[in-house]
C-alpha atoms as a PDB file:
ATOM      1  CA  MET A   1      64.645 -19.885  66.210  1.00  0.00           C
ATOM      2  CA  ILE A   2      61.663 -21.937  65.084  1.00  0.00           C
ATOM      3  CA  GLU A   3      59.991 -23.887  67.875  1.00  0.00           C
ATOM      4  CA  ARG A   4      59.350 -27.539  67.081  1.00  0.00           C
ATOM      5  CA  ARG A   5      55.967 -28.793  68.234  1.00  0.00           C
ATOM      6  CA  PRO A   6      55.285 -32.551  67.978  1.00  0.00           C
ATOM      7  CA  GLY A   7      51.568 -31.961  67.535  1.00  0.00           C
ATOM      8  CA  LEU A   8      52.061 -29.704  64.508  1.00  0.00           C
ATOM      9  CA  THR A   9      54.570 -32.155  63.045  1.00  0.00           C
ATOM     10  CA  VAL A  10      52.082 -35.022  63.289  1.00  0.00           C
ATOM     11  CA  LEU A  11      49.297 -32.846  61.850  1.00  0.00           C
ATOM     12  CA  SER A  12      51.432 -31.759  58.898  1.00  0.00           C
ATOM     13  CA  HIS A  13      52.378 -35.373  58.157  1.00  0.00           C
ATOM     14  CA  LEU A  14      48.726 -36.420  58.302  1.00  0.00           C
ATOM     15  CA  ILE A  15      47.776 -33.658  55.862  1.00  0.00           C
ATOM     16  CA  LEU A  16      50.573 -34.699  53.503  1.00  0.00           C
ATOM     17  CA  LEU A  17      49.507 -38.360  53.769  1.00  0.00           C
ATOM     18  CA  LEU A  18      45.903 -37.405  53.017  1.00  0.00           C
ATOM     19  CA  GLY A  19      47.034 -35.453  49.957  1.00  0.00           C
ATOM     20  CA  VAL A  20      49.059 -38.422  48.704  1.00  0.00           C
ATOM     21  CA  LEU A  21      46.068 -40.746  49.169  1.00  0.00           C
ATOM     22  CA  ILE A  22      43.751 -38.372  47.293  1.00  0.00           C
ATOM     23  CA  VAL A  23      46.182 -38.186  44.366  1.00  0.00           C
ATOM     24  CA  ALA A  24      47.270 -41.838  44.354  1.00  0.00           C
ATOM     25  CA  PHE A  25      43.919 -43.575  44.867  1.00  0.00           C
ATOM     26  CA  PRO A  26      42.536 -42.913  41.350  1.00  0.00           C
ATOM     27  CA  LEU A  27      45.838 -44.157  39.888  1.00  0.00           C
ATOM     28  CA  TYR A  28      45.668 -47.292  42.029  1.00  0.00           C
ATOM     29  CA  LEU A  29      42.046 -47.845  41.011  1.00  0.00           C
ATOM     30  CA  THR A  30      43.018 -47.521  37.334  1.00  0.00           C
ATOM     31  CA  VAL A  31      45.803 -50.091  37.679  1.00  0.00           C
ATOM     32  CA  VAL A  32      43.585 -52.523  39.615  1.00  0.00           C
ATOM     33  CA  ALA A  33      40.756 -52.216  37.067  1.00  0.00           C
ATOM     34  CA  SER A  34      43.218 -52.970  34.244  1.00  0.00           C
ATOM     35  CA  THR A  35      44.007 -56.358  35.842  1.00  0.00           C
ATOM     36  CA  GLN A  36      40.374 -57.502  36.026  1.00  0.00           C
ATOM     37  CA  THR A  37      37.890 -58.586  33.382  1.00  0.00           C
ATOM     38  CA  SER A  38      35.123 -56.316  32.168  1.00  0.00           C
ATOM     39  CA  GLU A  39      32.556 -58.655  33.753  1.00  0.00           C
ATOM     40  CA  GLN A  40      34.215 -58.382  37.149  1.00  0.00           C
ATOM     41  CA  ILE A  41      34.198 -54.599  36.934  1.00  0.00           C
ATOM     42  CA  ALA A  42      30.556 -54.446  35.815  1.00  0.00           C
ATOM     43  CA  GLN A  43      29.136 -57.024  38.221  1.00  0.00           C
ATOM     44  CA  SER A  44      30.873 -56.085  41.465  1.00  0.00           C
ATOM     45  CA  VAL A  45      29.533 -52.920  43.089  1.00  0.00           C
ATOM     46  CA  PRO A  46      31.697 -51.445  44.441  1.00  0.00           C
ATOM     47  CA  MET A  47      34.547 -52.754  42.326  1.00  0.00           C
ATOM     48  CA  SER A  48      37.080 -54.953  44.077  1.00  0.00           C
ATOM     49  CA  LEU A  49      40.177 -53.067  45.185  1.00  0.00           C
ATOM     50  CA  LEU A  50      42.366 -56.169  44.895  1.00  0.00           C
ATOM     51  CA  PRO A  51      44.345 -56.870  41.690  1.00  0.00           C
ATOM     52  CA  GLY A  52      42.876 -59.471  39.372  1.00  0.00           C
ATOM     53  CA  SER A  53      44.486 -62.228  37.306  1.00  0.00           C
ATOM     54  CA  ASN A  54      43.676 -60.899  33.830  1.00  0.00           C
ATOM     55  CA  ALA A  55      46.454 -58.297  33.558  1.00  0.00           C
ATOM     56  CA  LEU A  56      48.522 -59.971  30.828  1.00  0.00           C
ATOM     57  CA  GLN A  57      45.591 -60.545  28.477  1.00  0.00           C
ATOM     58  CA  THR A  58      44.132 -57.084  29.122  1.00  0.00           C
ATOM     59  CA  TYR A  59      47.370 -55.243  28.386  1.00  0.00           C
ATOM     60  CA  LYS A  60      48.002 -57.397  25.318  1.00  0.00           C
ATOM     61  CA  THR A  61      44.550 -56.501  23.970  1.00  0.00           C
ATOM     62  CA  ALA A  62      45.006 -52.825  24.846  1.00  0.00           C
ATOM     63  CA  LEU A  63      48.393 -52.608  23.157  1.00  0.00           C
ATOM     64  CA  LEU A  64      47.981 -54.884  20.122  1.00  0.00           C
ATOM     65  CA  GLY A  65      44.203 -55.121  19.751  1.00  0.00           C
ATOM     66  CA  GLY A  66      42.048 -58.183  19.256  1.00  0.00           C
ATOM     67  CA  THR A  67      38.736 -59.700  20.290  1.00  0.00           C
ATOM     68  CA  THR A  68      37.728 -59.345  23.923  1.00  0.00           C
ATOM     69  CA  ALA A  69      35.850 -61.889  26.054  1.00  0.00           C
ATOM     70  CA  ALA A  70      32.652 -59.934  25.409  1.00  0.00           C
ATOM     71  CA  GLY A  71      33.138 -60.239  21.634  1.00  0.00           C
ATOM     72  CA  SER A  72      34.176 -56.660  20.954  1.00  0.00           C
ATOM     73  CA  GLN A  73      36.799 -56.114  18.253  1.00  0.00           C
ATOM     74  CA  LEU A  74      39.281 -53.487  19.409  1.00  0.00           C
ATOM     75  CA  SER A  75      42.236 -51.905  17.648  1.00  0.00           C
ATOM     76  CA  GLY A  76      45.462 -51.710  19.596  1.00  0.00           C
ATOM     77  CA  ALA A  77      46.915 -48.594  21.165  1.00  0.00           C
ATOM     78  CA  ALA A  78      50.433 -49.145  19.794  1.00  0.00           C
ATOM     79  CA  PRO A  79      49.948 -46.966  16.642  1.00  0.00           C
ATOM     80  CA  MET A  80      48.264 -44.258  18.719  1.00  0.00           C
ATOM     81  CA  LEU A  81      51.113 -44.308  21.244  1.00  0.00           C
ATOM     82  CA  TRP A  82      53.556 -43.830  18.368  1.00  0.00           C
ATOM     83  CA  VAL A  83      51.602 -40.834  17.032  1.00  0.00           C
ATOM     84  CA  SER A  84      51.495 -39.306  20.510  1.00  0.00           C
ATOM     85  CA  LEU A  85      55.230 -39.898  20.994  1.00  0.00           C
ATOM     86  CA  VAL A  86      56.190 -38.285  17.687  1.00  0.00           C
ATOM     87  CA  THR A  87      53.901 -35.338  18.388  1.00  0.00           C
ATOM     88  CA  ALA A  88      55.151 -34.945  21.961  1.00  0.00           C
ATOM     89  CA  LEU A  89      58.785 -34.899  20.763  1.00  0.00           C
ATOM     90  CA  ILE A  90      58.411 -32.571  17.779  1.00  0.00           C
ATOM     91  CA  ILE A  91      56.378 -29.945  19.652  1.00  0.00           C
ATOM     92  CA  PRO A  92      58.852 -29.291  22.531  1.00  0.00           C
ATOM     93  CA  LEU A  93      61.920 -29.508  20.297  1.00  0.00           C
ATOM     94  CA  GLY A  94      60.322 -27.105  17.813  1.00  0.00           C
ATOM     95  CA  LYS A  95      59.131 -24.740  20.547  1.00  0.00           C
ATOM     96  CA  ILE A  96      62.546 -24.619  22.221  1.00  0.00           C
ATOM     97  CA  THR A  97      64.424 -24.116  18.952  1.00  0.00           C
ATOM     98  CA  MET A  98      62.134 -21.382  17.641  1.00  0.00           C
ATOM     99  CA  SER A  99      61.838 -19.623  20.994  1.00  0.00           C
ATOM    100  CA  MET A 100      65.595 -19.594  21.624  1.00  0.00           C
ATOM    101  CA  LEU A 101      66.354 -18.212  18.181  1.00  0.00           C
ATOM    102  CA  SER A 102      63.612 -15.602  18.503  1.00  0.00           C
ATOM    103  CA  ALA A 103      64.830 -14.501  21.933  1.00  0.00           C
ATOM    104  CA  PHE A 104      68.435 -14.485  20.692  1.00  0.00           C
ATOM    105  CA  ALA A 105      67.527 -12.207  17.802  1.00  0.00           C
ATOM    106  CA  ILE A 106      65.503  -9.837  19.998  1.00  0.00           C
ATOM    107  CA  VAL A 107      68.215  -9.501  22.658  1.00  0.00           C
ATOM    108  CA  TYR A 108      71.461  -9.517  20.672  1.00  0.00           C
ATOM    109  CA  PHE A 109      70.575  -7.999  17.296  1.00  0.00           C
ATOM    110  CA  ARG A 110      69.881  -4.323  16.783  1.00  0.00           C
ATOM    111  CA  PHE A 111      67.079  -3.855  14.262  1.00  0.00           C
ATOM    112  CA  PRO A 112      64.221  -1.344  13.989  1.00  0.00           C
ATOM    113  CA  PHE A 113      61.182  -1.925  16.186  1.00  0.00           C
ATOM    114  CA  ARG A 114      62.680  -4.950  17.937  1.00  0.00           C
ATOM    115  CA  ASN A 115      60.823  -4.135  21.183  1.00  0.00           C
ATOM    116  CA  LEU A 116      57.611  -3.780  19.199  1.00  0.00           C
ATOM    117  CA  VAL A 117      58.241  -7.195  17.649  1.00  0.00           C
ATOM    118  CA  PHE A 118      58.732  -8.724  21.088  1.00  0.00           C
ATOM    119  CA  TRP A 119      55.544  -7.201  22.470  1.00  0.00           C
ATOM    120  CA  MET A 120      53.611  -8.344  19.409  1.00  0.00           C
ATOM    121  CA  ILE A 121      54.792 -11.869  20.192  1.00  0.00           C
ATOM    122  CA  PHE A 122      53.966 -11.453  23.874  1.00  0.00           C
ATOM    123  CA  VAL A 123      50.450 -10.129  23.199  1.00  0.00           C
ATOM    124  CA  THR A 124      49.524 -13.440  21.561  1.00  0.00           C
ATOM    125  CA  LEU A 125      49.345 -14.879  25.091  1.00  0.00           C
ATOM    126  CA  MET A 126      46.152 -12.894  25.569  1.00  0.00           C
ATOM    127  CA  LEU A 127      44.396 -14.613  22.658  1.00  0.00           C
ATOM    128  CA  PRO A 128      42.417 -17.666  23.789  1.00  0.00           C
ATOM    129  CA  VAL A 129      42.858 -20.912  21.871  1.00  0.00           C
ATOM    130  CA  GLU A 130      39.264 -20.739  20.635  1.00  0.00           C
ATOM    131  CA  VAL A 131      40.003 -17.441  18.855  1.00  0.00           C
ATOM    132  CA  ARG A 132      42.998 -18.843  16.969  1.00  0.00           C
ATOM    133  CA  ILE A 133      41.899 -22.385  16.297  1.00  0.00           C
ATOM    134  CA  GLY A 134      39.445 -21.607  13.470  1.00  0.00           C
ATOM    135  CA  PRO A 135      41.791 -19.528  11.291  1.00  0.00           C
ATOM    136  CA  THR A 136      44.661 -21.925  12.031  1.00  0.00           C
ATOM    137  CA  TYR A 137      42.584 -24.902  10.911  1.00  0.00           C
ATOM    138  CA  GLU A 138      41.616 -23.100   7.702  1.00  0.00           C
ATOM    139  CA  VAL A 139      45.266 -22.394   6.882  1.00  0.00           C
ATOM    140  CA  VAL A 140      46.368 -25.952   7.659  1.00  0.00           C
ATOM    141  CA  ALA A 141      43.523 -27.446   5.616  1.00  0.00           C
ATOM    142  CA  SER A 142      44.275 -25.188   2.634  1.00  0.00           C
ATOM    143  CA  LEU A 143      47.896 -26.353   2.722  1.00  0.00           C
ATOM    144  CA  GLY A 144      46.815 -29.999   2.593  1.00  0.00           C
ATOM    145  CA  MET A 145      48.271 -30.891   5.997  1.00  0.00           C
ATOM    146  CA  LEU A 146      45.254 -32.687   7.461  1.00  0.00           C
ATOM    147  CA  ASN A 147      46.051 -36.170   8.796  1.00  0.00           C
ATOM    148  CA  THR A 148      49.791 -35.459   8.794  1.00  0.00           C
ATOM    149  CA  TYR A 149      52.428 -35.058  11.479  1.00  0.00           C
ATOM    150  CA  ALA A 150      53.177 -31.604  10.112  1.00  0.00           C
ATOM    151  CA  GLY A 151      49.570 -30.547  10.635  1.00  0.00           C
ATOM    152  CA  LEU A 152      49.542 -31.962  14.148  1.00  0.00           C
ATOM    153  CA  THR A 153      52.741 -30.241  15.257  1.00  0.00           C
ATOM    154  CA  ILE A 154      53.721 -27.145  13.230  1.00  0.00           C
ATOM    155  CA  PRO A 155      50.741 -24.969  14.311  1.00  0.00           C
ATOM    156  CA  LEU A 156      51.613 -25.712  17.969  1.00  0.00           C
ATOM    157  CA  ILE A 157      55.336 -24.976  17.755  1.00  0.00           C
ATOM    158  CA  ALA A 158      55.255 -21.190  18.245  1.00  0.00           C
ATOM    159  CA  SER A 159      55.387 -20.235  21.921  1.00  0.00           C
ATOM    160  CA  ALA A 160      55.288 -16.697  23.275  1.00  0.00           C
ATOM    161  CA  THR A 161      55.825 -18.001  26.819  1.00  0.00           C
ATOM    162  CA  ALA A 162      59.069 -19.801  25.969  1.00  0.00           C
ATOM    163  CA  THR A 163      60.266 -16.799  23.949  1.00  0.00           C
ATOM    164  CA  PHE A 164      59.637 -14.542  26.943  1.00  0.00           C
ATOM    165  CA  LEU A 165      61.454 -16.887  29.338  1.00  0.00           C
ATOM    166  CA  PHE A 166      64.519 -17.204  27.120  1.00  0.00           C
ATOM    167  CA  ARG A 167      64.565 -13.455  26.499  1.00  0.00           C
ATOM    168  CA  GLN A 168      64.550 -12.744  30.212  1.00  0.00           C
ATOM    169  CA  PHE A 169      67.346 -15.226  30.763  1.00  0.00           C
ATOM    170  CA  PHE A 170      69.489 -13.865  27.913  1.00  0.00           C
ATOM    171  CA  LEU A 171      69.159 -10.382  29.413  1.00  0.00           C
ATOM    172  CA  THR A 172      70.895 -11.670  32.576  1.00  0.00           C
ATOM    173  CA  VAL A 173      73.942 -12.957  30.671  1.00  0.00           C
ATOM    174  CA  PRO A 174      76.874 -10.592  31.419  1.00  0.00           C
ATOM    175  CA  ASP A 175      77.963  -8.322  28.591  1.00  0.00           C
ATOM    176  CA  GLU A 176      81.550  -9.395  29.303  1.00  0.00           C
ATOM    177  CA  LEU A 177      80.800 -12.793  27.785  1.00  0.00           C
ATOM    178  CA  VAL A 178      79.610 -11.129  24.588  1.00  0.00           C
ATOM    179  CA  GLU A 179      82.722  -8.963  24.419  1.00  0.00           C
ATOM    180  CA  ALA A 180      85.022 -11.904  25.146  1.00  0.00           C
ATOM    181  CA  ALA A 181      83.416 -13.980  22.418  1.00  0.00           C
ATOM    182  CA  ARG A 182      83.691 -11.082  19.981  1.00  0.00           C
ATOM    183  CA  MET A 183      87.400 -10.628  20.796  1.00  0.00           C
ATOM    184  CA  ASP A 184      87.978 -14.335  20.174  1.00  0.00           C
ATOM    185  CA  GLY A 185      86.464 -13.940  16.715  1.00  0.00           C
ATOM    186  CA  ALA A 186      83.257 -15.836  17.444  1.00  0.00           C
ATOM    187  CA  GLY A 187      80.309 -14.962  15.235  1.00  0.00           C
ATOM    188  CA  PRO A 188      76.704 -14.704  16.443  1.00  0.00           C
ATOM    189  CA  MET A 189      75.846 -18.358  15.881  1.00  0.00           C
ATOM    190  CA  ARG A 190      79.127 -19.510  17.436  1.00  0.00           C
ATOM    191  CA  PHE A 191      78.327 -17.419  20.522  1.00  0.00           C
ATOM    192  CA  PHE A 192      74.817 -18.879  20.547  1.00  0.00           C
ATOM    193  CA  LYS A 193      76.067 -22.477  20.276  1.00  0.00           C
ATOM    194  CA  ASP A 194      79.099 -22.350  22.587  1.00  0.00           C
ATOM    195  CA  VAL A 195      77.913 -19.892  25.252  1.00  0.00           C
ATOM    196  CA  LEU A 196      74.142 -19.494  25.390  1.00  0.00           C
ATOM    197  CA  LEU A 197      73.173 -23.106  24.779  1.00  0.00           C
ATOM    198  CA  PRO A 198      75.252 -24.533  27.678  1.00  0.00           C
ATOM    199  CA  LEU A 199      74.052 -21.783  30.000  1.00  0.00           C
ATOM    200  CA  SER A 200      70.440 -22.498  29.038  1.00  0.00           C
ATOM    201  CA  ALA A 201      70.635 -26.270  29.613  1.00  0.00           C
ATOM    202  CA  THR A 202      68.517 -26.337  32.770  1.00  0.00           C
ATOM    203  CA  SER A 203      65.891 -23.981  31.324  1.00  0.00           C
ATOM    204  CA  ILE A 204      65.732 -26.106  28.183  1.00  0.00           C
ATOM    205  CA  ALA A 205      65.236 -29.257  30.282  1.00  0.00           C
ATOM    206  CA  ALA A 206      62.427 -27.695  32.321  1.00  0.00           C
ATOM    207  CA  LEU A 207      60.651 -26.428  29.209  1.00  0.00           C
ATOM    208  CA  PHE A 208      61.104 -29.782  27.467  1.00  0.00           C
ATOM    209  CA  VAL A 209      59.346 -31.642  30.289  1.00  0.00           C
ATOM    210  CA  ILE A 210      56.459 -29.161  30.384  1.00  0.00           C
ATOM    211  CA  GLN A 211      56.026 -29.051  26.618  1.00  0.00           C
ATOM    212  CA  PHE A 212      56.377 -32.843  26.243  1.00  0.00           C
ATOM    213  CA  ILE A 213      53.423 -33.326  28.565  1.00  0.00           C
ATOM    214  CA  TYR A 214      51.575 -30.543  26.720  1.00  0.00           C
ATOM    215  CA  GLY A 215      52.139 -32.260  23.389  1.00  0.00           C
ATOM    216  CA  TRP A 216      51.307 -35.719  24.731  1.00  0.00           C
ATOM    217  CA  ASN A 217      47.975 -34.595  26.191  1.00  0.00           C
ATOM    218  CA  GLN A 218      46.752 -32.784  23.076  1.00  0.00           C
ATOM    219  CA  TYR A 219      43.111 -33.592  22.326  1.00  0.00           C
ATOM    220  CA  LEU A 220      41.237 -30.646  20.803  1.00  0.00           C
ATOM    221  CA  TRP A 221      43.663 -29.923  17.962  1.00  0.00           C
ATOM    222  CA  PRO A 222      44.068 -33.602  16.869  1.00  0.00           C
ATOM    223  CA  LEU A 223      40.292 -33.950  17.075  1.00  0.00           C
ATOM    224  CA  LEU A 224      39.980 -31.246  14.395  1.00  0.00           C
ATOM    225  CA  MET A 225      43.033 -32.244  12.401  1.00  0.00           C
ATOM    226  CA  THR A 226      42.545 -35.992  12.000  1.00  0.00           C
ATOM    227  CA  THR A 227      39.913 -38.058  10.273  1.00  0.00           C
ATOM    228  CA  ASN A 228      42.150 -41.061   9.677  1.00  0.00           C
ATOM    229  CA  GLU A 229      42.373 -43.545  12.570  1.00  0.00           C
ATOM    230  CA  ASN A 230      46.061 -44.092  11.806  1.00  0.00           C
ATOM    231  CA  MET A 231      46.755 -40.511  12.939  1.00  0.00           C
ATOM    232  CA  TYR A 232      44.787 -40.611  16.193  1.00  0.00           C
ATOM    233  CA  PRO A 233      46.835 -39.909  19.354  1.00  0.00           C
ATOM    234  CA  VAL A 234      46.290 -42.116  22.373  1.00  0.00           C
ATOM    235  CA  VAL A 235      44.142 -39.526  24.190  1.00  0.00           C
ATOM    236  CA  MET A 236      41.618 -39.679  21.360  1.00  0.00           C
ATOM    237  CA  GLY A 237      41.877 -43.457  21.398  1.00  0.00           C
ATOM    238  CA  ILE A 238      40.827 -43.583  25.049  1.00  0.00           C
ATOM    239  CA  LYS A 239      37.812 -41.383  24.325  1.00  0.00           C
ATOM    240  CA  ARG A 240      36.794 -43.622  21.414  1.00  0.00           C
ATOM    241  CA  LEU A 241      37.062 -46.722  23.609  1.00  0.00           C
ATOM    242  CA  ILE A 242      34.627 -45.169  26.070  1.00  0.00           C
ATOM    243  CA  GLY A 243      32.097 -43.731  23.646  1.00  0.00           C
ATOM    244  CA  GLY A 244      32.598 -45.751  20.477  1.00  0.00           C
ATOM    245  CA  GLU A 245      31.024 -49.048  21.528  1.00  0.00           C
ATOM    246  CA  SER A 246      27.630 -49.946  22.967  1.00  0.00           C
ATOM    247  CA  TYR A 247      29.442 -52.017  25.578  1.00  0.00           C
ATOM    248  CA  THR A 248      32.495 -50.397  27.147  1.00  0.00           C
ATOM    249  CA  GLU A 249      35.418 -52.684  27.942  1.00  0.00           C
ATOM    250  CA  TRP A 250      36.469 -50.814  31.038  1.00  0.00           C
ATOM    251  CA  ASN A 251      39.429 -53.058  31.755  1.00  0.00           C
ATOM    252  CA  VAL A 252      40.899 -52.278  28.323  1.00  0.00           C
ATOM    253  CA  VAL A 253      40.130 -48.587  28.776  1.00  0.00           C
ATOM    254  CA  MET A 254      41.992 -48.562  32.088  1.00  0.00           C
ATOM    255  CA  ALA A 255      44.923 -50.506  30.634  1.00  0.00           C
ATOM    256  CA  THR A 256      45.169 -48.035  27.756  1.00  0.00           C
ATOM    257  CA  ALA A 257      45.070 -45.176  30.259  1.00  0.00           C
ATOM    258  CA  VAL A 258      47.958 -46.747  32.194  1.00  0.00           C
ATOM    259  CA  LEU A 259      49.961 -47.147  28.980  1.00  0.00           C
ATOM    260  CA  ALA A 260      49.230 -43.509  28.130  1.00  0.00           C
ATOM    261  CA  MET A 261      50.509 -42.361  31.529  1.00  0.00           C
ATOM    262  CA  LEU A 262      53.825 -44.210  31.345  1.00  0.00           C
ATOM    263  CA  PRO A 263      55.792 -42.084  28.797  1.00  0.00           C
ATOM    264  CA  PRO A 264      55.165 -38.670  30.433  1.00  0.00           C
ATOM    265  CA  ALA A 265      55.760 -40.177  33.879  1.00  0.00           C
ATOM    266  CA  LEU A 266      59.019 -41.678  32.630  1.00  0.00           C
ATOM    267  CA  VAL A 267      60.138 -38.354  31.166  1.00  0.00           C
ATOM    268  CA  VAL A 268      59.393 -36.551  34.442  1.00  0.00           C
ATOM    269  CA  MET A 269      61.266 -39.155  36.500  1.00  0.00           C
ATOM    270  CA  LEU A 270      64.319 -39.227  34.237  1.00  0.00           C
ATOM    271  CA  MET A 271      64.540 -35.447  33.980  1.00  0.00           C
ATOM    272  CA  GLN A 272      63.330 -34.549  37.482  1.00  0.00           C
ATOM    273  CA  LYS A 273      66.707 -33.234  38.618  1.00  0.00           C
ATOM    274  CA  TRP A 274      67.104 -30.985  35.569  1.00  0.00           C
ATOM    275  CA  PHE A 275      63.455 -29.962  35.692  1.00  0.00           C
ATOM    276  CA  VAL A 276      63.615 -28.792  39.319  1.00  0.00           C
ATOM    277  CA  LYS A 277      66.965 -27.111  38.778  1.00  0.00           C
ATOM    278  CA  GLY A 278      65.638 -25.234  35.764  1.00  0.00           C
ATOM    279  CA  LEU A 279      62.692 -23.904  37.788  1.00  0.00           C
ATOM    280  CA  VAL A 280      64.474 -22.898  40.997  1.00  0.00           C
ATOM    281  CA  ASP A 281      68.117 -22.313  40.079  1.00  0.00           C
ATOM    282  CA  VAL A 282      68.807 -18.610  39.959  1.00  0.00           C
ATOM    283  CA  GLU A 283      72.585 -18.820  39.699  1.00  0.00           C
ATOM    284  CA  LYS A 284      72.945 -19.078  35.946  1.00  0.00           C
END
C-alpha cells in the first residue's frame, strides 16, 4: 500500500505548476505581443504583459498583408498557411500509405531476400539528413520539381520508422485471421482493406498526428526547394519577417507565429484520444 503524504502531494503539484508556467509563459507572451503595436513593444522595456487593443488590425495584417503603422509593406501569411497545410497533409498520408503497403508486403508475401529488403529500409534510419539532402536535391532539381508541391512532399514521404512500426504490429496479428480470410475467398488487398486497416486505426491516427506536425514544421527542405515566394511555407515566412526588413514588426511576427501554431494544435486536440490510444494501447 502506498502511503499518502500531504507534503509530497503539495510538492508534486508545485513542480507540475512550475512546469506548466515555464511552457505556457512564452505562448502567453507571444499572444500578448500580437495584440500590441510595434511601437509599444519596442518602447516599453520590459514589454507590458497585459493585452493591447491592436489585435484585430495586427491579425488582419498578418493574415492578409498590407501596410503597417511604421510604413512597412508586408505580404500576408494566408498563402503560406495554405502551402504548409497542403504539405502537412500530403506528407503524413503518403508516409502512412507507403509504410503500410511496404510492411504488408514484407510480412505477408514470401519473396527472396525479404528480410534483407526490410533491413535495407531500416538501415536508412542511420543516415543523417545532411548526408541525404544533397543527392535528393540534385534528383529533384533534375526532374524539374523545384517550387512545386511534388518537390516539397515526395522526397519526404518514405519513412523507415513507420514501416518498422507497422511491420511489428502486423507480426502480432493472429495467423487465424489470415486463414479465415483465405477460407472466405478474400485476396491479399481485401484482407489488407477489411482486416488490417481497421486494426491499425489507432496506430494510423498516432502516426498522422506526429507526421502532420513534422510536415508543418519543415524548414530546411523548403528553404532549398523554393525560390518562389508563392511556395514558401509559413515557417519560412516567419523567418523572413524577422530578418527581411530593417525594422522588424514584432507584433505581426508574433501574430503570424500564433496563426502558425493553431493548425497543429487543433489537430492534436481533435485527435488526442486516438493519438494517446495509438501510443499506449497494447490490446490490438
